[in-house]
PDB file of N, CA and C in Angstrom:
ATOM      1  N   MET A   1     -85.462 124.272 -97.251  1.00  0.00           N
ATOM      2  CA  MET A   1     -86.453 123.797 -96.297  1.00  0.00           C
ATOM      3  C   MET A   1     -87.756 123.532 -97.043  1.00  0.00           C
ATOM      4  N   ALA A   2     -88.327 122.358 -96.843  1.00  0.00           N
ATOM      5  CA  ALA A   2     -89.577 121.992 -97.507  1.00  0.00           C
ATOM      6  C   ALA A   2     -90.770 122.522 -96.719  1.00  0.00           C
ATOM      7  N   LEU A   3     -91.775 122.920 -97.444  1.00  0.00           N
ATOM      8  CA  LEU A   3     -92.984 123.443 -96.834  1.00  0.00           C
ATOM      9  C   LEU A   3     -93.757 122.308 -96.171  1.00  0.00           C
ATOM     10  N   ASN A   4     -94.289 122.589 -95.001  1.00  0.00           N
ATOM     11  CA  ASN A   4     -95.132 121.637 -94.288  1.00  0.00           C
ATOM     12  C   ASN A   4     -96.274 121.204 -95.219  1.00  0.00           C
ATOM     13  N   PRO A   5     -96.428 119.892 -95.471  1.00  0.00           N
ATOM     14  CA  PRO A   5     -97.464 119.424 -96.409  1.00  0.00           C
ATOM     15  C   PRO A   5     -98.881 119.850 -96.015  1.00  0.00           C
ATOM     16  N   ALA A   6     -99.165 119.914 -94.724  1.00  0.00           N
ATOM     17  CA  ALA A   6    -100.497 120.322 -94.277  1.00  0.00           C
ATOM     18  C   ALA A   6    -100.743 121.800 -94.620  1.00  0.00           C
ATOM     19  N   LEU A   7     -99.738 122.635 -94.429  1.00  0.00           N
ATOM     20  CA  LEU A   7     -99.876 124.056 -94.776  1.00  0.00           C
ATOM     21  C   LEU A   7    -100.018 124.228 -96.283  1.00  0.00           C
ATOM     22  N   ARG A   8     -99.252 123.456 -97.027  1.00  0.00           N
ATOM     23  CA  ARG A   8     -99.326 123.527 -98.493  1.00  0.00           C
ATOM     24  C   ARG A   8    -100.735 123.179 -98.968  1.00  0.00           C
ATOM     25  N   ARG A   9    -101.302 122.104 -98.436  1.00  0.00           N
ATOM     26  CA  ARG A   9    -102.667 121.714 -98.805  1.00  0.00           C
ATOM     27  C   ARG A   9    -103.668 122.809 -98.445  1.00  0.00           C
ATOM     28  N   GLN A  10    -103.467 123.423 -97.283  1.00  0.00           N
ATOM     29  CA  GLN A  10    -104.366 124.479 -96.829  1.00  0.00           C
ATOM     30  C   GLN A  10    -104.310 125.690 -97.768  1.00  0.00           C
ATOM     31  N   VAL A  11    -103.111 126.066 -98.181  1.00  0.00           N
ATOM     32  CA  VAL A  11    -102.945 127.207 -99.093  1.00  0.00           C
ATOM     33  C   VAL A  11    -103.594 126.904-100.440  1.00  0.00           C
ATOM     34  N   ILE A  12    -103.360 125.723-100.976  1.00  0.00           N
ATOM     35  CA  ILE A  12    -103.928 125.350-102.273  1.00  0.00           C
ATOM     36  C   ILE A  12    -105.454 125.302-102.189  1.00  0.00           C
ATOM     37  N   SER A  13    -105.971 124.752-101.119  1.00  0.00           N
ATOM     38  CA  SER A  13    -107.419 124.675-100.921  1.00  0.00           C
ATOM     39  C   SER A  13    -108.034 126.073-100.856  1.00  0.00           C
ATOM     40  N   LEU A  14    -107.390 126.958-100.127  1.00  0.00           N
ATOM     41  CA  LEU A  14    -107.879 128.329-100.015  1.00  0.00           C
ATOM     42  C   LEU A  14    -107.877 129.033-101.366  1.00  0.00           C
ATOM     43  N   TYR A  15    -106.813 128.818-102.124  1.00  0.00           N
ATOM     44  CA  TYR A  15    -106.714 129.411-103.464  1.00  0.00           C
ATOM     45  C   TYR A  15    -107.877 128.938-104.331  1.00  0.00           C
ATOM     46  N   LYS A  16    -108.151 127.633-104.297  1.00  0.00           N
ATOM     47  CA  LYS A  16    -109.238 127.072-105.098  1.00  0.00           C
ATOM     48  C   LYS A  16    -110.592 127.630-104.663  1.00  0.00           C
ATOM     49  N   GLU A  17    -110.797 127.758-103.363  1.00  0.00           N
ATOM     50  CA  GLU A  17    -112.054 128.313-102.861  1.00  0.00           C
ATOM     51  C   GLU A  17    -112.229 129.759-103.328  1.00  0.00           C
ATOM     52  N   LEU A  18    -111.168 130.534-103.250  1.00  0.00           N
ATOM     53  CA  LEU A  18    -111.238 131.928-103.679  1.00  0.00           C
ATOM     54  C   LEU A  18    -111.476 132.033-105.186  1.00  0.00           C
ATOM     55  N   ILE A  19    -110.845 131.167-105.962  1.00  0.00           N
ATOM     56  CA  ILE A  19    -111.068 131.151-107.414  1.00  0.00           C
ATOM     57  C   ILE A  19    -112.550 130.890-107.690  1.00  0.00           C
ATOM     58  N   HIS A  20    -113.112 129.932-106.983  1.00  0.00           N
ATOM     59  CA  HIS A  20    -114.532 129.609-107.170  1.00  0.00           C
ATOM     60  C   HIS A  20    -115.420 130.805-106.808  1.00  0.00           C
ATOM     61  N   LEU A  21    -115.114 131.472-105.704  1.00  0.00           N
ATOM     62  CA  LEU A  21    -115.892 132.634-105.284  1.00  0.00           C
ATOM     63  C   LEU A  21    -115.755 133.792-106.278  1.00  0.00           C
ATOM     64  N   GLY A  22    -114.623 133.882-106.934  1.00  0.00           N
ATOM     65  CA  GLY A  22    -114.365 134.978-107.863  1.00  0.00           C
ATOM     66  C   GLY A  22    -115.162 134.914-109.146  1.00  0.00           C
ATOM     67  N   LYS A  23    -115.811 133.793-109.403  1.00  0.00           N
ATOM     68  CA  LYS A  23    -116.597 133.652-110.639  1.00  0.00           C
ATOM     69  C   LYS A  23    -117.762 134.629-110.681  1.00  0.00           C
ATOM     70  N   GLU A  24    -118.180 135.116-109.517  1.00  0.00           N
ATOM     71  CA  GLU A  24    -119.291 136.062-109.452  1.00  0.00           C
ATOM     72  C   GLU A  24    -118.807 137.500-109.190  1.00  0.00           C
ATOM     73  N   TRP A  25    -117.528 137.750-109.333  1.00  0.00           N
ATOM     74  CA  TRP A  25    -116.955 139.063-109.022  1.00  0.00           C
ATOM     75  C   TRP A  25    -117.505 140.125-109.969  1.00  0.00           C
ATOM     76  N   PRO A  26    -117.914 141.292-109.449  1.00  0.00           N
ATOM     77  CA  PRO A  26    -118.522 142.336-110.295  1.00  0.00           C
ATOM     78  C   PRO A  26    -117.647 142.822-111.459  1.00  0.00           C
ATOM     79  N   GLN A  27    -116.344 142.951-111.264  1.00  0.00           N
ATOM     80  CA  GLN A  27    -115.471 143.435-112.342  1.00  0.00           C
ATOM     81  C   GLN A  27    -115.079 142.330-113.313  1.00  0.00           C
ATOM     82  N   GLY A  28    -115.542 141.137-113.082  1.00  0.00           N
ATOM     83  CA  GLY A  28    -115.247 140.022-113.978  1.00  0.00           C
ATOM     84  C   GLY A  28    -114.251 139.049-113.370  1.00  0.00           C
ATOM     85  N   PHE A  29    -114.368 137.813-113.805  1.00  0.00           N
ATOM     86  CA  PHE A  29    -113.533 136.740-113.273  1.00  0.00           C
ATOM     87  C   PHE A  29    -112.058 136.934-113.620  1.00  0.00           C
ATOM     88  N   ASP A  30    -111.775 137.373-114.838  1.00  0.00           N
ATOM     89  CA  ASP A  30    -110.368 137.551-115.242  1.00  0.00           C
ATOM     90  C   ASP A  30    -109.661 138.581-114.365  1.00  0.00           C
ATOM     91  N   PHE A  31    -110.354 139.670-114.049  1.00  0.00           N
ATOM     92  CA  PHE A  31    -109.801 140.687-113.157  1.00  0.00           C
ATOM     93  C   PHE A  31    -109.509 140.074-111.788  1.00  0.00           C
ATOM     94  N   PHE A  32    -110.476 139.345-111.246  1.00  0.00           N
ATOM     95  CA  PHE A  32    -110.330 138.734-109.925  1.00  0.00           C
ATOM     96  C   PHE A  32    -109.188 137.723-109.909  1.00  0.00           C
ATOM     97  N   ARG A  33    -109.153 136.849-110.918  1.00  0.00           N
ATOM     98  CA  ARG A  33    -108.149 135.790-110.958  1.00  0.00           C
ATOM     99  C   ARG A  33    -106.737 136.359-111.051  1.00  0.00           C
ATOM    100  N   SER A  34    -106.559 137.383-111.858  1.00  0.00           N
ATOM    101  CA  SER A  34    -105.215 137.952-111.998  1.00  0.00           C
ATOM    102  C   SER A  34    -104.766 138.611-110.690  1.00  0.00           C
ATOM    103  N   ARG A  35    -105.672 139.307-110.012  1.00  0.00           N
ATOM    104  CA  ARG A  35    -105.333 139.930-108.726  1.00  0.00           C
ATOM    105  C   ARG A  35    -105.040 138.870-107.667  1.00  0.00           C
ATOM    106  N   LEU A  36    -105.844 137.820-107.648  1.00  0.00           N
ATOM    107  CA  LEU A  36    -105.647 136.739-106.680  1.00  0.00           C
ATOM    108  C   LEU A  36    -104.308 136.041-106.922  1.00  0.00           C
ATOM    109  N   HIS A  37    -104.033 135.753-108.182  1.00  0.00           N
ATOM    110  CA  HIS A  37    -102.780 135.071-108.519  1.00  0.00           C
ATOM    111  C   HIS A  37    -101.573 135.902-108.091  1.00  0.00           C
ATOM    112  N   SER A  38    -101.600 137.185-108.376  1.00  0.00           N
ATOM    113  CA  SER A  38    -100.447 138.018-108.005  1.00  0.00           C
ATOM    114  C   SER A  38    -100.321 138.141-106.485  1.00  0.00           C
ATOM    115  N   ALA A  39    -101.444 138.169-105.775  1.00  0.00           N
ATOM    116  CA  ALA A  39    -101.383 138.237-104.309  1.00  0.00           C
ATOM    117  C   ALA A  39    -100.756 136.970-103.729  1.00  0.00           C
ATOM    118  N   PHE A  40    -101.120 135.822-104.274  1.00  0.00           N
ATOM    119  CA  PHE A  40    -100.545 134.565-103.784  1.00  0.00           C
ATOM    120  C   PHE A  40     -99.073 134.451-104.186  1.00  0.00           C
ATOM    121  N   MET A  41     -98.722 134.916-105.372  1.00  0.00           N
ATOM    122  CA  MET A  41     -97.332 134.835-105.822  1.00  0.00           C
ATOM    123  C   MET A  41     -96.411 135.732-104.994  1.00  0.00           C
ATOM    124  N   LYS A  42     -96.940 136.854-104.497  1.00  0.00           N
ATOM    125  CA  LYS A  42     -96.130 137.740-103.664  1.00  0.00           C
ATOM    126  C   LYS A  42     -95.698 137.048-102.380  1.00  0.00           C
ATOM    127  N   LYS A  43     -96.487 136.088-101.932  1.00  0.00           N
ATOM    128  CA  LYS A  43     -96.178 135.377-100.688  1.00  0.00           C
ATOM    129  C   LYS A  43     -95.564 133.998-100.941  1.00  0.00           C
ATOM    130  N   SER A  44     -95.348 133.638-102.189  1.00  0.00           N
ATOM    131  CA  SER A  44     -94.873 132.285-102.510  1.00  0.00           C
ATOM    132  C   SER A  44     -93.463 132.002-102.003  1.00  0.00           C
ATOM    133  N   HIS A  45     -92.693 133.035-101.700  1.00  0.00           N
ATOM    134  CA  HIS A  45     -91.320 132.844-101.230  1.00  0.00           C
ATOM    135  C   HIS A  45     -91.251 132.510 -99.740  1.00  0.00           C
ATOM    136  N   LEU A  46     -92.354 132.641 -99.026  1.00  0.00           N
ATOM    137  CA  LEU A  46     -92.345 132.433 -97.575  1.00  0.00           C
ATOM    138  C   LEU A  46     -91.986 130.993 -97.218  1.00  0.00           C
ATOM    139  N   GLU A  47     -91.128 130.855 -96.216  1.00  0.00           N
ATOM    140  CA  GLU A  47     -90.751 129.531 -95.740  1.00  0.00           C
ATOM    141  C   GLU A  47     -91.018 129.376 -94.249  1.00  0.00           C
ATOM    142  N   ASP A  48     -91.119 130.479 -93.531  1.00  0.00           N
ATOM    143  CA  ASP A  48     -91.380 130.451 -92.102  1.00  0.00           C
ATOM    144  C   ASP A  48     -92.846 130.084 -91.862  1.00  0.00           C
ATOM    145  N   GLU A  49     -93.084 129.063 -91.039  1.00  0.00           N
ATOM    146  CA  GLU A  49     -94.452 128.589 -90.814  1.00  0.00           C
ATOM    147  C   GLU A  49     -95.348 129.662 -90.227  1.00  0.00           C
ATOM    148  N   GLU A  50     -94.819 130.490 -89.339  1.00  0.00           N
ATOM    149  CA  GLU A  50     -95.632 131.554 -88.735  1.00  0.00           C
ATOM    150  C   GLU A  50     -96.053 132.579 -89.790  1.00  0.00           C
ATOM    151  N   ALA A  51     -95.150 132.923 -90.686  1.00  0.00           N
ATOM    152  CA  ALA A  51     -95.481 133.868 -91.752  1.00  0.00           C
ATOM    153  C   ALA A  51     -96.525 133.274 -92.696  1.00  0.00           C
ATOM    154  N   ILE A  52     -96.411 131.988 -92.982  1.00  0.00           N
ATOM    155  CA  ILE A  52     -97.383 131.311 -93.842  1.00  0.00           C
ATOM    156  C   ILE A  52     -98.752 131.290 -93.161  1.00  0.00           C
ATOM    157  N   LYS A  53     -98.766 131.015 -91.870  1.00  0.00           N
ATOM    158  CA  LYS A  53    -100.038 131.000 -91.129  1.00  0.00           C
ATOM    159  C   LYS A  53    -100.682 132.384 -91.110  1.00  0.00           C
ATOM    160  N   LYS A  54     -99.878 133.441 -91.025  1.00  0.00           N
ATOM    161  CA  LYS A  54    -100.414 134.806 -91.088  1.00  0.00           C
ATOM    162  C   LYS A  54    -101.028 135.067 -92.461  1.00  0.00           C
ATOM    163  N   GLY A  55    -100.371 134.599 -93.503  1.00  0.00           N
ATOM    164  CA  GLY A  55    -100.893 134.745 -94.862  1.00  0.00           C
ATOM    165  C   GLY A  55    -102.203 133.988 -95.043  1.00  0.00           C
ATOM    166  N   ILE A  56    -102.279 132.796 -94.448  1.00  0.00           N
ATOM    167  CA  ILE A  56    -103.508 132.006 -94.509  1.00  0.00           C
ATOM    168  C   ILE A  56    -104.633 132.737 -93.792  1.00  0.00           C
ATOM    169  N   ALA A  57    -104.337 133.307 -92.629  1.00  0.00           N
ATOM    170  CA  ALA A  57    -105.346 134.056 -91.874  1.00  0.00           C
ATOM    171  C   ALA A  57    -105.839 135.254 -92.688  1.00  0.00           C
ATOM    172  N   GLN A  58    -104.934 135.926 -93.363  1.00  0.00           N
ATOM    173  CA  GLN A  58    -105.305 137.070 -94.202  1.00  0.00           C
ATOM    174  C   GLN A  58    -106.204 136.611 -95.360  1.00  0.00           C
ATOM    175  N   ALA A  59    -105.864 135.491 -95.971  1.00  0.00           N
ATOM    176  CA  ALA A  59    -106.660 134.967 -97.080  1.00  0.00           C
ATOM    177  C   ALA A  59    -108.047 134.522 -96.592  1.00  0.00           C
ATOM    178  N   GLU A  60    -108.111 133.959 -95.388  1.00  0.00           N
ATOM    179  CA  GLU A  60    -109.406 133.565 -94.814  1.00  0.00           C
ATOM    180  C   GLU A  60    -110.282 134.796 -94.610  1.00  0.00           C
ATOM    181  N   TYR A  61    -109.693 135.878 -94.137  1.00  0.00           N
ATOM    182  CA  TYR A  61    -110.427 137.122 -93.933  1.00  0.00           C
ATOM    183  C   TYR A  61    -110.982 137.629 -95.270  1.00  0.00           C
ATOM    184  N   ILE A  62    -110.147 137.618 -96.290  1.00  0.00           N
ATOM    185  CA  ILE A  62    -110.570 138.072 -97.612  1.00  0.00           C
ATOM    186  C   ILE A  62    -111.680 137.173 -98.149  1.00  0.00           C
ATOM    187  N   LYS A  63    -111.560 135.878 -97.905  1.00  0.00           N
ATOM    188  CA  LYS A  63    -112.596 134.944 -98.332  1.00  0.00           C
ATOM    189  C   LYS A  63    -113.944 135.302 -97.712  1.00  0.00           C
ATOM    190  N   LYS A  64    -113.949 135.632 -96.417  1.00  0.00           N
ATOM    191  CA  LYS A  64    -115.185 136.026 -95.741  1.00  0.00           C
ATOM    192  C   LYS A  64    -115.742 137.310 -96.325  1.00  0.00           C
ATOM    193  N   GLU A  65    -114.872 138.247 -96.664  1.00  0.00           N
ATOM    194  CA  GLU A  65    -115.310 139.503 -97.264  1.00  0.00           C
ATOM    195  C   GLU A  65    -115.933 139.268 -98.651  1.00  0.00           C
ATOM    196  N   VAL A  66    -115.320 138.401 -99.427  1.00  0.00           N
ATOM    197  CA  VAL A  66    -115.842 138.106-100.762  1.00  0.00           C
ATOM    198  C   VAL A  66    -117.186 137.387-100.646  1.00  0.00           C
ATOM    199  N   GLU A  67    -117.311 136.476 -99.696  1.00  0.00           N
ATOM    200  CA  GLU A  67    -118.575 135.767 -99.488  1.00  0.00           C
ATOM    201  C   GLU A  67    -119.676 136.736 -99.087  1.00  0.00           C
ATOM    202  N   ALA A  68    -119.320 137.786 -98.367  1.00  0.00           N
ATOM    203  CA  ALA A  68    -120.311 138.753 -97.892  1.00  0.00           C
ATOM    204  C   ALA A  68    -120.867 139.612 -99.032  1.00  0.00           C
ATOM    205  N   LEU A  69    -120.134 139.716-100.140  1.00  0.00           N
ATOM    206  CA  LEU A  69    -120.610 140.565-101.253  1.00  0.00           C
ATOM    207  C   LEU A  69    -121.780 139.960-101.978  1.00  0.00           C
TER     208      LEU A  69
END
């Protein structure tokens, strides 16, 4: 089953936004990037649209938390 192209774009966009926000991370960018990459890879097997949308919502929440720092 192929991933919905709109969801794929949304996930990639979110990843890029988080990478950009991580440049100011207190423990360093490399620490942030490796943690972010592994978090996204843990969910890379998802094919169910509802599960992907839940993952996107979780990433949006984390993005807001990182912006607040």
